[in-house]
Amino acid sequence: MKFTEAQLETAIIELLAAEGYPHVLGEAIARRLQEVLIKEDLRHS
């Protein structure tokens, strides 16, 4: 049986969710394209 990149991604997302980390699609994150760090994320940590 072949382990695909999509299966790996899903497994990692599930592991992180079990630890309390939310999954957010990149396109759903409000930021300017020039920004590497997302200031709102730093404020909430």
PDB file of N, CA and C in Angstrom:
ATOM      1  N   MET A   1       0.835  -1.178   0.000  1.00  0.00           N
ATOM      2  CA  MET A   1       0.000   0.000   0.000  1.00  0.00           C
ATOM      3  C   MET A   1       0.885   1.248   0.000  1.00  0.00           C
ATOM      4  N   LYS A   2       0.515   2.195  -0.792  1.00  0.00           N
ATOM      5  CA  LYS A   2       1.271   3.428  -0.948  1.00  0.00           C
ATOM      6  C   LYS A   2       0.792   4.485   0.058  1.00  0.00           C
ATOM      7  N   PHE A   3       1.743   5.171   0.708  1.00  0.00           N
ATOM      8  CA  PHE A   3       1.440   6.262   1.633  1.00  0.00           C
ATOM      9  C   PHE A   3       1.636   7.561   0.871  1.00  0.00           C
ATOM     10  N   THR A   4       0.564   8.290   0.640  1.00  0.00           N
ATOM     11  CA  THR A   4       0.634   9.494  -0.181  1.00  0.00           C
ATOM     12  C   THR A   4       0.899  10.740   0.657  1.00  0.00           C
ATOM     13  N   GLU A   5       1.254  11.798  -0.027  1.00  0.00           N
ATOM     14  CA  GLU A   5       1.475  13.076   0.640  1.00  0.00           C
ATOM     15  C   GLU A   5       0.196  13.555   1.318  1.00  0.00           C
ATOM     16  N   ALA A   6      -0.943  13.341   0.676  1.00  0.00           N
ATOM     17  CA  ALA A   6      -2.224  13.751   1.260  1.00  0.00           C
ATOM     18  C   ALA A   6      -2.503  12.985   2.550  1.00  0.00           C
ATOM     19  N   GLN A   7      -2.177  11.701   2.587  1.00  0.00           N
ATOM     20  CA  GLN A   7      -2.371  10.908   3.798  1.00  0.00           C
ATOM     21  C   GLN A   7      -1.449  11.391   4.919  1.00  0.00           C
ATOM     22  N   LEU A   8      -0.226  11.717   4.568  1.00  0.00           N
ATOM     23  CA  LEU A   8       0.728  12.233   5.550  1.00  0.00           C
ATOM     24  C   LEU A   8       0.226  13.561   6.116  1.00  0.00           C
ATOM     25  N   GLU A   9      -0.226  14.440   5.245  1.00  0.00           N
ATOM     26  CA  GLU A   9      -0.733  15.742   5.672  1.00  0.00           C
ATOM     27  C   GLU A   9      -1.921  15.563   6.619  1.00  0.00           C
ATOM     28  N   THR A  10      -2.835  14.684   6.269  1.00  0.00           N
ATOM     29  CA  THR A  10      -4.006  14.426   7.104  1.00  0.00           C
ATOM     30  C   THR A  10      -3.596  13.880   8.468  1.00  0.00           C
ATOM     31  N   ALA A  11      -2.646  12.962   8.485  1.00  0.00           N
ATOM     32  CA  ALA A  11      -2.177  12.379   9.743  1.00  0.00           C
ATOM     33  C   ALA A  11      -1.567  13.444  10.642  1.00  0.00           C
ATOM     34  N   ILE A  12      -0.765  14.328  10.076  1.00  0.00           N
ATOM     35  CA  ILE A  12      -0.123  15.394  10.862  1.00  0.00           C
ATOM     36  C   ILE A  12      -1.167  16.366  11.394  1.00  0.00           C
ATOM     37  N   ILE A  13      -2.137  16.733  10.564  1.00  0.00           N
ATOM     38  CA  ILE A  13      -3.210  17.637  10.991  1.00  0.00           C
ATOM     39  C   ILE A  13      -3.976  17.027  12.155  1.00  0.00           C
ATOM     40  N   GLU A  14      -4.265  15.719  12.073  1.00  0.00           N
ATOM     41  CA  GLU A  14      -4.997  15.039  13.146  1.00  0.00           C
ATOM     42  C   GLU A  14      -4.169  14.981  14.435  1.00  0.00           C
ATOM     43  N   LEU A  15      -2.874  14.724  14.309  1.00  0.00           N
ATOM     44  CA  LEU A  15      -2.013  14.692  15.493  1.00  0.00           C
ATOM     45  C   LEU A  15      -1.952  16.064  16.169  1.00  0.00           C
ATOM     46  N   LEU A  16      -1.800  17.098  15.380  1.00  0.00           N
ATOM     47  CA  LEU A  16      -1.747  18.450  15.938  1.00  0.00           C
ATOM     48  C   LEU A  16      -3.084  18.843  16.553  1.00  0.00           C
ATOM     49  N   ALA A  17      -4.187  18.447  15.929  1.00  0.00           N
ATOM     50  CA  ALA A  17      -5.517  18.738  16.472  1.00  0.00           C
ATOM     51  C   ALA A  17      -5.698  18.060  17.825  1.00  0.00           C
ATOM     52  N   ALA A  18      -5.184  16.853  17.959  1.00  0.00           N
ATOM     53  CA  ALA A  18      -5.278  16.130  19.225  1.00  0.00           C
ATOM     54  C   ALA A  18      -4.500  16.840  20.333  1.00  0.00           C
ATOM     55  N   GLU A  19      -3.510  17.641  19.958  1.00  0.00           N
ATOM     56  CA  GLU A  19      -2.715  18.410  20.916  1.00  0.00           C
ATOM     57  C   GLU A  19      -3.278  19.813  21.144  1.00  0.00           C
ATOM     58  N   GLY A  20      -4.385  20.124  20.466  1.00  0.00           N
ATOM     59  CA  GLY A  20      -5.039  21.411  20.666  1.00  0.00           C
ATOM     60  C   GLY A  20      -4.686  22.492  19.661  1.00  0.00           C
ATOM     61  N   TYR A  21      -3.953  22.138  18.620  1.00  0.00           N
ATOM     62  CA  TYR A  21      -3.592  23.122  17.597  1.00  0.00           C
ATOM     63  C   TYR A  21      -4.643  23.115  16.493  1.00  0.00           C
ATOM     64  N   PRO A  22      -5.254  24.259  16.225  1.00  0.00           N
ATOM     65  CA  PRO A  22      -6.276  24.305  15.172  1.00  0.00           C
ATOM     66  C   PRO A  22      -5.639  24.269  13.775  1.00  0.00           C
ATOM     67  N   HIS A  23      -6.378  23.757  12.821  1.00  0.00           N
ATOM     68  CA  HIS A  23      -5.914  23.750  11.434  1.00  0.00           C
ATOM     69  C   HIS A  23      -6.641  24.848  10.680  1.00  0.00           C
ATOM     70  N   VAL A  24      -5.885  25.712  10.041  1.00  0.00           N
ATOM     71  CA  VAL A  24      -6.451  26.802   9.258  1.00  0.00           C
ATOM     72  C   VAL A  24      -5.787  26.782   7.893  1.00  0.00           C
ATOM     73  N   LEU A  25      -6.583  26.788   6.844  1.00  0.00           N
ATOM     74  CA  LEU A  25      -6.025  26.834   5.492  1.00  0.00           C
ATOM     75  C   LEU A  25      -5.282  28.152   5.293  1.00  0.00           C
ATOM     76  N   GLY A  26      -4.171  28.087   4.605  1.00  0.00           N
ATOM     77  CA  GLY A  26      -3.354  29.264   4.388  1.00  0.00           C
ATOM     78  C   GLY A  26      -4.087  30.415   3.749  1.00  0.00           C
ATOM     79  N   GLU A  27      -4.979  30.095   2.821  1.00  0.00           N
ATOM     80  CA  GLU A  27      -5.707  31.166   2.135  1.00  0.00           C
ATOM     81  C   GLU A  27      -6.741  31.834   3.043  1.00  0.00           C
ATOM     82  N   ALA A  28      -7.038  31.222   4.198  1.00  0.00           N
ATOM     83  CA  ALA A  28      -7.994  31.800   5.145  1.00  0.00           C
ATOM     84  C   ALA A  28      -7.318  32.720   6.150  1.00  0.00           C
ATOM     85  N   ILE A  29      -5.997  32.806   6.114  1.00  0.00           N
ATOM     86  CA  ILE A  29      -5.256  33.639   7.049  1.00  0.00           C
ATOM     87  C   ILE A  29      -5.123  35.042   6.469  1.00  0.00           C
ATOM     88  N   ALA A  30      -5.594  36.020   7.226  1.00  0.00           N
ATOM     89  CA  ALA A  30      -5.535  37.409   6.752  1.00  0.00           C
ATOM     90  C   ALA A  30      -4.134  37.963   6.996  1.00  0.00           C
ATOM     91  N   ARG A  31      -3.420  38.244   5.916  1.00  0.00           N
ATOM     92  CA  ARG A  31      -2.087  38.829   6.027  1.00  0.00           C
ATOM     93  C   ARG A  31      -1.693  39.419   4.685  1.00  0.00           C
ATOM     94  N   ARG A  32      -0.739  40.337   4.741  1.00  0.00           N
ATOM     95  CA  ARG A  32      -0.170  40.861   3.497  1.00  0.00           C
ATOM     96  C   ARG A  32       0.854  39.842   3.008  1.00  0.00           C
ATOM     97  N   LEU A  33       1.015  39.712   1.722  1.00  0.00           N
ATOM     98  CA  LEU A  33       1.924  38.720   1.152  1.00  0.00           C
ATOM     99  C   LEU A  33       3.374  38.943   1.555  1.00  0.00           C
ATOM    100  N   GLN A  34       3.735  40.187   1.904  1.00  0.00           N
ATOM    101  CA  GLN A  34       5.103  40.489   2.297  1.00  0.00           C
ATOM    102  C   GLN A  34       5.404  40.056   3.733  1.00  0.00           C
ATOM    103  N   GLU A  35       4.375  39.780   4.535  1.00  0.00           N
ATOM    104  CA  GLU A  35       4.559  39.431   5.935  1.00  0.00           C
ATOM    105  C   GLU A  35       4.914  37.957   6.087  1.00  0.00           C
ATOM    106  N   VAL A  36       5.981  37.688   6.821  1.00  0.00           N
ATOM    107  CA  VAL A  36       6.362  36.311   7.109  1.00  0.00           C
ATOM    108  C   VAL A  36       5.692  35.865   8.407  1.00  0.00           C
ATOM    109  N   LEU A  37       5.785  36.701   9.426  1.00  0.00           N
ATOM    110  CA  LEU A  37       5.130  36.425  10.703  1.00  0.00           C
ATOM    111  C   LEU A  37       3.760  37.086  10.706  1.00  0.00           C
ATOM    112  N   ILE A  38       2.825  36.456  11.338  1.00  0.00           N
ATOM    113  CA  ILE A  38       1.482  37.007  11.431  1.00  0.00           C
ATOM    114  C   ILE A  38       1.341  37.622  12.825  1.00  0.00           C
ATOM    115  N   LYS A  39       1.319  38.936  12.861  1.00  0.00           N
ATOM    116  CA  LYS A  39       1.343  39.675  14.126  1.00  0.00           C
ATOM    117  C   LYS A  39       0.202  39.257  15.055  1.00  0.00           C
ATOM    118  N   GLU A  40      -0.983  39.011  14.523  1.00  0.00           N
ATOM    119  CA  GLU A  40      -2.125  38.596  15.351  1.00  0.00           C
ATOM    120  C   GLU A  40      -1.834  37.291  16.076  1.00  0.00           C
ATOM    121  N   ASP A  41      -1.160  36.368  15.418  1.00  0.00           N
ATOM    122  CA  ASP A  41      -0.813  35.105  16.055  1.00  0.00           C
ATOM    123  C   ASP A  41       0.145  35.332  17.219  1.00  0.00           C
ATOM    124  N   LEU A  42       1.068  36.256  17.073  1.00  0.00           N
ATOM    125  CA  LEU A  42       2.018  36.552  18.139  1.00  0.00           C
ATOM    126  C   LEU A  42       1.311  37.217  19.328  1.00  0.00           C
ATOM    127  N   ARG A  43       0.317  38.011  19.054  1.00  0.00           N
ATOM    128  CA  ARG A  43      -0.419  38.685  20.115  1.00  0.00           C
ATOM    129  C   ARG A  43      -1.229  37.703  20.939  1.00  0.00           C
ATOM    130  N   HIS A  44      -1.717  36.634  20.317  1.00  0.00           N
ATOM    131  CA  HIS A  44      -2.577  35.662  21.000  1.00  0.00           C
ATOM    132  C   HIS A  44      -1.790  34.573  21.709  1.00  0.00           C
ATOM    133  N   SER A  45      -0.471  34.543  21.566  1.00  0.00           N
ATOM    134  CA  SER A  45       0.282  33.453  22.205  1.00  0.00           C
ATOM    135  C   SER A  45       0.711  33.794  23.600  1.00  0.00           C
TER     136      SER A  45
END
